[in-house]
């Protein structure tokens, strides 16, 4: 796959496993799941669920920008939460980062996530020209 490019930025957390922050193939960008880690310290951001969700989206945003795009280019977002009672809060948080027409999305409940965090967000973007 000669047009596969690995995307990395210090403005998002380094991978904590065997994966890349993102992979770009042609104009499609696949961003790995982002948990609420502060890039500079690699520690979980302090605060409530919304603060942690915001950090996930800030990390996605930084990776999108490193690839020459923005969250406006998102076509699919996958969200994992350990408590689906936070569904209204994830909707509020997404509205801070996306405008209509919104990307396609899945929001699922999971038993647990890395580092004991309550939320993880991944995205697929189709970059402009």
N, C-alpha and C. Protein backbone atom coordinates (compact mmCIF):
# COMPACT_ATOMS: atom_id res chain seq x y z
N UNK A 1 0.86 -1.17 0.00
CA UNK A 1 0.00 0.00 0.00
C UNK A 1 0.90 1.23 0.00
N UNK A 2 1.24 1.71 -1.16
CA UNK A 2 2.23 2.77 -1.28
C UNK A 2 1.71 4.14 -0.86
N UNK A 3 0.40 4.35 -0.82
CA UNK A 3 -0.10 5.67 -0.45
C UNK A 3 -0.53 5.75 1.01
N UNK A 4 -0.07 4.81 1.82
CA UNK A 4 -0.38 4.81 3.26
C UNK A 4 0.64 5.69 3.99
N UNK A 5 0.12 6.65 4.77
CA UNK A 5 0.99 7.57 5.50
C UNK A 5 0.60 7.55 6.98
N UNK A 6 1.59 7.42 7.84
CA UNK A 6 1.36 7.45 9.28
C UNK A 6 1.36 8.91 9.73
N UNK A 7 0.34 9.29 10.49
CA UNK A 7 0.22 10.65 11.00
C UNK A 7 0.55 10.64 12.49
N UNK A 8 1.40 11.57 12.89
CA UNK A 8 1.76 11.70 14.31
C UNK A 8 1.93 13.17 14.64
N UNK A 9 1.47 13.54 15.82
CA UNK A 9 1.69 14.89 16.33
C UNK A 9 1.94 14.84 17.83
N UNK A 10 2.80 15.72 18.29
CA UNK A 10 3.03 15.84 19.74
C UNK A 10 1.89 16.57 20.43
N UNK A 11 0.94 17.11 19.65
CA UNK A 11 -0.20 17.83 20.22
C UNK A 11 -1.33 16.88 20.63
N UNK A 12 -1.11 15.58 20.44
CA UNK A 12 -2.05 14.54 20.88
C UNK A 12 -1.23 13.49 21.62
N UNK A 13 -1.88 12.70 22.45
CA UNK A 13 -1.14 11.69 23.23
C UNK A 13 -0.43 10.69 22.33
N UNK A 14 0.76 10.30 22.74
CA UNK A 14 1.47 9.23 22.06
C UNK A 14 0.69 7.93 22.23
N UNK A 15 0.86 7.04 21.29
CA UNK A 15 0.19 5.73 21.37
C UNK A 15 0.64 5.01 22.64
N UNK A 16 -0.31 4.36 23.31
CA UNK A 16 0.03 3.59 24.51
C UNK A 16 0.00 2.10 24.21
N UNK A 17 0.02 1.75 22.94
CA UNK A 17 0.00 0.36 22.52
C UNK A 17 0.56 0.25 21.11
N UNK A 18 0.26 -0.85 20.49
CA UNK A 18 0.78 -1.14 19.15
C UNK A 18 -0.15 -0.57 18.09
N UNK A 19 -0.17 0.74 17.98
CA UNK A 19 -1.00 1.41 16.98
C UNK A 19 -0.42 2.79 16.69
N UNK A 20 -0.86 3.39 15.60
CA UNK A 20 -0.47 4.74 15.23
C UNK A 20 -1.59 5.69 15.63
N UNK A 21 -1.26 6.96 15.84
CA UNK A 21 -2.31 7.94 16.14
C UNK A 21 -3.33 7.96 15.01
N UNK A 22 -2.83 7.93 13.78
CA UNK A 22 -3.73 7.92 12.62
C UNK A 22 -2.98 7.38 11.41
N UNK A 23 -3.78 6.89 10.45
CA UNK A 23 -3.24 6.43 9.18
C UNK A 23 -4.05 7.10 8.08
N UNK A 24 -3.32 7.69 7.14
CA UNK A 24 -3.95 8.36 6.00
C UNK A 24 -3.72 7.51 4.76
N UNK A 25 -4.81 7.21 4.07
CA UNK A 25 -4.75 6.47 2.82
C UNK A 25 -5.50 7.30 1.79
N UNK A 26 -4.77 7.86 0.83
CA UNK A 26 -5.41 8.76 -0.10
C UNK A 26 -5.91 9.97 0.68
N UNK A 27 -7.20 10.28 0.53
CA UNK A 27 -7.79 11.41 1.25
C UNK A 27 -8.55 10.98 2.50
N UNK A 28 -8.49 9.68 2.83
CA UNK A 28 -9.19 9.17 4.00
C UNK A 28 -8.23 9.06 5.18
N UNK A 29 -8.65 9.59 6.31
CA UNK A 29 -7.85 9.57 7.53
C UNK A 29 -8.57 8.74 8.58
N UNK A 30 -7.88 7.74 9.10
CA UNK A 30 -8.41 6.87 10.15
C UNK A 30 -7.70 7.24 11.44
N UNK A 31 -8.43 7.85 12.38
CA UNK A 31 -7.84 8.27 13.65
C UNK A 31 -8.16 7.23 14.72
N UNK A 32 -7.12 6.75 15.38
CA UNK A 32 -7.28 5.77 16.45
C UNK A 32 -8.09 6.35 17.60
N UNK A 33 -8.67 5.47 18.39
CA UNK A 33 -9.45 5.89 19.55
C UNK A 33 -8.62 6.75 20.48
N UNK A 34 -9.21 7.87 20.88
CA UNK A 34 -8.55 8.81 21.78
C UNK A 34 -9.25 8.80 23.13
N UNK A 35 -8.45 8.57 24.16
CA UNK A 35 -8.97 8.66 25.52
C UNK A 35 -8.54 10.02 26.07
N UNK A 36 -9.08 10.44 27.21
CA UNK A 36 -8.82 11.79 27.70
C UNK A 36 -7.44 11.99 28.34
N UNK A 37 -6.40 11.72 27.56
CA UNK A 37 -5.04 11.95 28.04
C UNK A 37 -4.56 13.32 27.62
N UNK A 38 -3.88 14.00 28.52
CA UNK A 38 -3.24 15.27 28.22
C UNK A 38 -1.93 14.94 27.51
N UNK A 39 -1.73 15.43 26.28
CA UNK A 39 -0.55 15.05 25.52
C UNK A 39 0.78 15.32 26.22
N UNK A 40 0.90 16.46 26.89
CA UNK A 40 2.17 16.83 27.51
C UNK A 40 2.55 15.94 28.69
N UNK A 41 1.57 15.43 29.41
CA UNK A 41 1.85 14.66 30.62
C UNK A 41 1.49 13.18 30.50
N UNK A 42 0.69 12.86 29.49
CA UNK A 42 0.18 11.49 29.30
C UNK A 42 -0.60 11.01 30.52
N UNK A 43 -1.23 11.96 31.21
CA UNK A 43 -2.09 11.62 32.34
C UNK A 43 -3.54 11.95 31.95
N UNK A 44 -4.47 11.30 32.61
CA UNK A 44 -5.89 11.55 32.35
C UNK A 44 -6.24 12.95 32.83
N UNK A 45 -6.93 13.71 31.99
CA UNK A 45 -7.32 15.06 32.34
C UNK A 45 -8.23 15.02 33.58
N UNK A 46 -8.09 15.99 34.43
CA UNK A 46 -8.93 16.06 35.62
C UNK A 46 -10.28 16.65 35.24
N UNK A 47 -11.31 16.30 35.99
CA UNK A 47 -12.61 16.88 35.77
C UNK A 47 -13.69 15.84 35.56
N UNK A 48 -14.88 16.35 35.26
CA UNK A 48 -16.04 15.49 35.09
C UNK A 48 -16.07 14.84 33.70
N UNK A 49 -17.15 14.14 33.41
CA UNK A 49 -17.27 13.44 32.13
C UNK A 49 -17.09 14.38 30.95
N UNK A 50 -17.74 15.57 31.00
CA UNK A 50 -17.64 16.50 29.87
C UNK A 50 -16.20 16.97 29.66
N UNK A 51 -15.47 17.22 30.73
CA UNK A 51 -14.07 17.63 30.60
C UNK A 51 -13.26 16.51 29.94
N UNK A 52 -13.56 15.29 30.31
CA UNK A 52 -12.83 14.17 29.73
C UNK A 52 -13.23 13.96 28.27
N UNK A 53 -14.51 14.11 27.96
CA UNK A 53 -14.96 13.99 26.57
C UNK A 53 -14.33 15.08 25.71
N UNK A 54 -14.28 16.30 26.24
CA UNK A 54 -13.66 17.40 25.50
C UNK A 54 -12.21 17.08 25.17
N UNK A 55 -11.48 16.49 26.11
CA UNK A 55 -10.08 16.16 25.87
C UNK A 55 -9.97 15.14 24.73
N UNK A 56 -10.89 14.19 24.68
CA UNK A 56 -10.88 13.23 23.57
C UNK A 56 -11.03 13.96 22.24
N UNK A 57 -11.98 14.90 22.17
CA UNK A 57 -12.20 15.63 20.92
C UNK A 57 -11.05 16.58 20.61
N UNK A 58 -10.42 17.16 21.63
CA UNK A 58 -9.25 18.00 21.40
C UNK A 58 -8.11 17.17 20.80
N UNK A 59 -7.96 15.95 21.29
CA UNK A 59 -6.94 15.07 20.74
C UNK A 59 -7.24 14.71 19.29
N UNK A 60 -8.51 14.39 18.99
CA UNK A 60 -8.90 14.11 17.61
C UNK A 60 -8.62 15.32 16.71
N UNK A 61 -8.98 16.49 17.21
CA UNK A 61 -8.79 17.73 16.45
C UNK A 61 -7.31 17.94 16.12
N UNK A 62 -6.43 17.73 17.09
CA UNK A 62 -4.99 17.91 16.87
C UNK A 62 -4.47 16.95 15.80
N UNK A 63 -4.94 15.73 15.82
CA UNK A 63 -4.49 14.74 14.84
C UNK A 63 -5.04 15.10 13.46
N UNK A 64 -6.30 15.51 13.40
CA UNK A 64 -6.89 15.92 12.12
C UNK A 64 -6.09 17.07 11.52
N UNK A 65 -5.73 18.04 12.34
CA UNK A 65 -4.97 19.20 11.86
C UNK A 65 -3.57 18.79 11.42
N UNK A 66 -2.96 17.83 12.11
CA UNK A 66 -1.63 17.35 11.72
C UNK A 66 -1.66 16.70 10.34
N UNK A 67 -2.82 16.18 9.96
CA UNK A 67 -2.99 15.55 8.65
C UNK A 67 -3.44 16.54 7.59
N UNK A 68 -3.60 17.81 7.97
CA UNK A 68 -4.02 18.82 7.02
C UNK A 68 -5.52 18.98 6.91
N UNK A 69 -6.26 18.46 7.91
CA UNK A 69 -7.72 18.55 7.89
C UNK A 69 -8.26 19.21 9.13
N UNK A 70 -9.54 18.96 9.37
CA UNK A 70 -10.20 19.47 10.56
C UNK A 70 -11.34 18.51 10.90
N UNK A 71 -11.94 18.71 12.06
CA UNK A 71 -13.06 17.85 12.43
C UNK A 71 -14.26 18.03 11.50
N UNK A 72 -14.29 19.14 10.76
CA UNK A 72 -15.35 19.32 9.76
C UNK A 72 -15.30 18.25 8.67
N UNK A 73 -14.14 17.61 8.52
CA UNK A 73 -13.96 16.56 7.52
C UNK A 73 -14.44 15.19 8.00
N UNK A 74 -14.88 15.10 9.25
CA UNK A 74 -15.30 13.80 9.81
C UNK A 74 -16.53 13.27 9.09
N UNK A 75 -16.47 12.00 8.73
CA UNK A 75 -17.62 11.33 8.12
C UNK A 75 -18.20 10.26 9.05
N UNK A 76 -17.39 9.79 10.02
CA UNK A 76 -17.85 8.75 10.95
C UNK A 76 -17.13 8.92 12.27
N UNK A 77 -17.87 8.88 13.35
CA UNK A 77 -17.32 8.97 14.70
C UNK A 77 -17.84 7.77 15.49
N UNK A 78 -16.94 7.10 16.18
CA UNK A 78 -17.32 5.99 17.06
C UNK A 78 -16.97 6.38 18.49
N UNK A 79 -17.94 6.24 19.38
CA UNK A 79 -17.76 6.62 20.77
C UNK A 79 -18.06 5.41 21.66
N UNK A 80 -17.14 5.14 22.56
CA UNK A 80 -17.34 4.08 23.56
C UNK A 80 -17.41 4.74 24.92
N UNK A 81 -18.41 4.35 25.71
CA UNK A 81 -18.60 4.90 27.05
C UNK A 81 -18.84 3.77 28.03
N UNK A 82 -18.33 3.92 29.23
CA UNK A 82 -18.56 2.91 30.25
C UNK A 82 -19.89 3.09 30.96
N UNK A 83 -20.55 4.21 30.72
CA UNK A 83 -21.86 4.47 31.32
C UNK A 83 -22.73 5.20 30.30
N UNK A 84 -23.72 4.52 29.75
CA UNK A 84 -24.57 5.13 28.72
C UNK A 84 -25.48 6.21 29.28
N UNK A 85 -25.50 6.39 30.59
CA UNK A 85 -26.23 7.53 31.16
C UNK A 85 -25.57 8.85 30.75
N UNK A 86 -24.33 8.77 30.26
CA UNK A 86 -23.62 9.97 29.79
C UNK A 86 -23.96 10.32 28.35
N UNK A 87 -24.90 9.59 27.75
CA UNK A 87 -25.28 9.84 26.36
C UNK A 87 -25.67 11.31 26.11
N UNK A 88 -26.51 11.93 26.96
CA UNK A 88 -26.84 13.34 26.72
C UNK A 88 -25.60 14.25 26.80
N UNK A 89 -24.66 13.92 27.68
CA UNK A 89 -23.45 14.74 27.81
C UNK A 89 -22.55 14.61 26.59
N UNK A 90 -22.49 13.41 26.00
CA UNK A 90 -21.65 13.25 24.80
C UNK A 90 -22.29 14.02 23.65
N UNK A 91 -23.62 14.05 23.59
CA UNK A 91 -24.30 14.85 22.56
C UNK A 91 -23.97 16.33 22.72
N UNK A 92 -24.02 16.83 23.95
CA UNK A 92 -23.69 18.24 24.21
C UNK A 92 -22.25 18.55 23.82
N UNK A 93 -21.36 17.64 24.15
CA UNK A 93 -19.95 17.85 23.86
C UNK A 93 -19.69 17.80 22.36
N UNK A 94 -20.30 16.85 21.67
CA UNK A 94 -20.13 16.78 20.22
C UNK A 94 -20.60 18.06 19.55
N UNK A 95 -21.66 18.66 20.06
CA UNK A 95 -22.20 19.89 19.48
C UNK A 95 -21.21 21.05 19.60
N UNK A 96 -20.24 20.94 20.50
CA UNK A 96 -19.20 21.96 20.63
C UNK A 96 -18.14 21.83 19.53
N UNK A 97 -18.05 20.65 18.92
CA UNK A 97 -16.99 20.37 17.96
C UNK A 97 -17.48 20.15 16.53
N UNK A 98 -18.77 19.90 16.36
CA UNK A 98 -19.31 19.60 15.04
C UNK A 98 -20.54 20.46 14.78
N UNK A 99 -20.77 20.79 13.51
CA UNK A 99 -21.98 21.48 13.10
C UNK A 99 -22.69 20.62 12.07
N UNK A 100 -23.95 20.92 11.84
CA UNK A 100 -24.71 20.18 10.85
C UNK A 100 -24.18 20.46 9.45
N UNK A 101 -24.18 19.51 8.58
CA UNK A 101 -24.63 18.14 8.80
C UNK A 101 -23.58 17.35 9.60
N UNK A 102 -24.05 16.67 10.63
CA UNK A 102 -23.17 15.92 11.51
C UNK A 102 -22.64 14.66 10.82
N UNK A 103 -21.48 14.17 11.27
CA UNK A 103 -20.99 12.90 10.74
C UNK A 103 -21.86 11.75 11.23
N UNK A 104 -21.76 10.63 10.54
CA UNK A 104 -22.40 9.41 11.03
C UNK A 104 -21.73 9.07 12.36
N UNK A 105 -22.45 8.33 13.23
CA UNK A 105 -21.90 8.06 14.56
C UNK A 105 -22.45 6.77 15.13
N UNK A 106 -21.62 6.14 15.93
CA UNK A 106 -22.05 5.04 16.78
C UNK A 106 -21.63 5.39 18.19
N UNK A 107 -22.50 5.14 19.15
CA UNK A 107 -22.18 5.34 20.57
C UNK A 107 -22.57 4.05 21.28
N UNK A 108 -21.58 3.41 21.87
CA UNK A 108 -21.82 2.10 22.48
C UNK A 108 -21.35 2.09 23.93
N UNK A 109 -22.00 1.26 24.70
CA UNK A 109 -21.60 1.05 26.08
C UNK A 109 -20.63 -0.12 26.15
N UNK A 110 -19.57 0.06 26.91
CA UNK A 110 -18.56 -0.98 27.09
C UNK A 110 -18.29 -1.17 28.57
N UNK A 111 -17.76 -2.32 28.92
CA UNK A 111 -17.50 -2.62 30.33
C UNK A 111 -16.39 -1.74 30.89
N UNK A 112 -15.28 -1.61 30.15
CA UNK A 112 -14.17 -0.78 30.62
C UNK A 112 -13.33 -0.32 29.45
N UNK A 113 -12.52 0.72 29.72
CA UNK A 113 -11.64 1.31 28.71
C UNK A 113 -10.24 1.44 29.30
N UNK A 114 -9.22 1.64 28.45
CA UNK A 114 -7.85 1.77 28.95
C UNK A 114 -7.73 2.86 30.01
N UNK A 115 -6.88 2.60 30.98
CA UNK A 115 -6.59 3.53 32.08
C UNK A 115 -7.81 3.88 32.91
N UNK A 116 -8.88 3.08 32.81
CA UNK A 116 -10.07 3.29 33.61
C UNK A 116 -10.88 4.52 33.25
N UNK A 117 -10.68 5.06 32.04
CA UNK A 117 -11.41 6.27 31.63
C UNK A 117 -12.85 5.93 31.25
N UNK A 118 -13.74 6.94 31.25
CA UNK A 118 -15.15 6.68 30.96
C UNK A 118 -15.52 6.81 29.48
N UNK A 119 -14.58 7.29 28.63
CA UNK A 119 -14.95 7.56 27.23
C UNK A 119 -13.72 7.44 26.33
N UNK A 120 -13.98 6.97 25.11
CA UNK A 120 -12.98 6.90 24.05
C UNK A 120 -13.67 7.26 22.75
N UNK A 121 -13.00 8.05 21.91
CA UNK A 121 -13.61 8.51 20.66
C UNK A 121 -12.62 8.28 19.52
N UNK A 122 -13.12 7.73 18.42
CA UNK A 122 -12.30 7.55 17.21
C UNK A 122 -13.07 8.14 16.05
N UNK A 123 -12.36 8.41 14.95
CA UNK A 123 -13.03 9.06 13.82
C UNK A 123 -12.40 8.67 12.50
N UNK A 124 -13.22 8.76 11.46
CA UNK A 124 -12.76 8.62 10.08
C UNK A 124 -13.08 9.93 9.39
N UNK A 125 -12.09 10.49 8.72
CA UNK A 125 -12.25 11.76 8.03
C UNK A 125 -12.00 11.57 6.53
N UNK A 126 -12.68 12.35 5.72
CA UNK A 126 -12.40 12.42 4.29
C UNK A 126 -11.91 13.84 4.03
N UNK A 127 -10.62 13.95 3.81
CA UNK A 127 -9.96 15.25 3.73
C UNK A 127 -10.26 15.95 2.40
N UNK A 128 -10.39 17.23 2.46
CA UNK A 128 -10.63 18.03 1.25
C UNK A 128 -9.38 18.04 0.37
N UNK A 129 -9.61 18.09 -0.94
CA UNK A 129 -8.58 18.22 -1.94
C UNK A 129 -7.24 17.91 -1.46
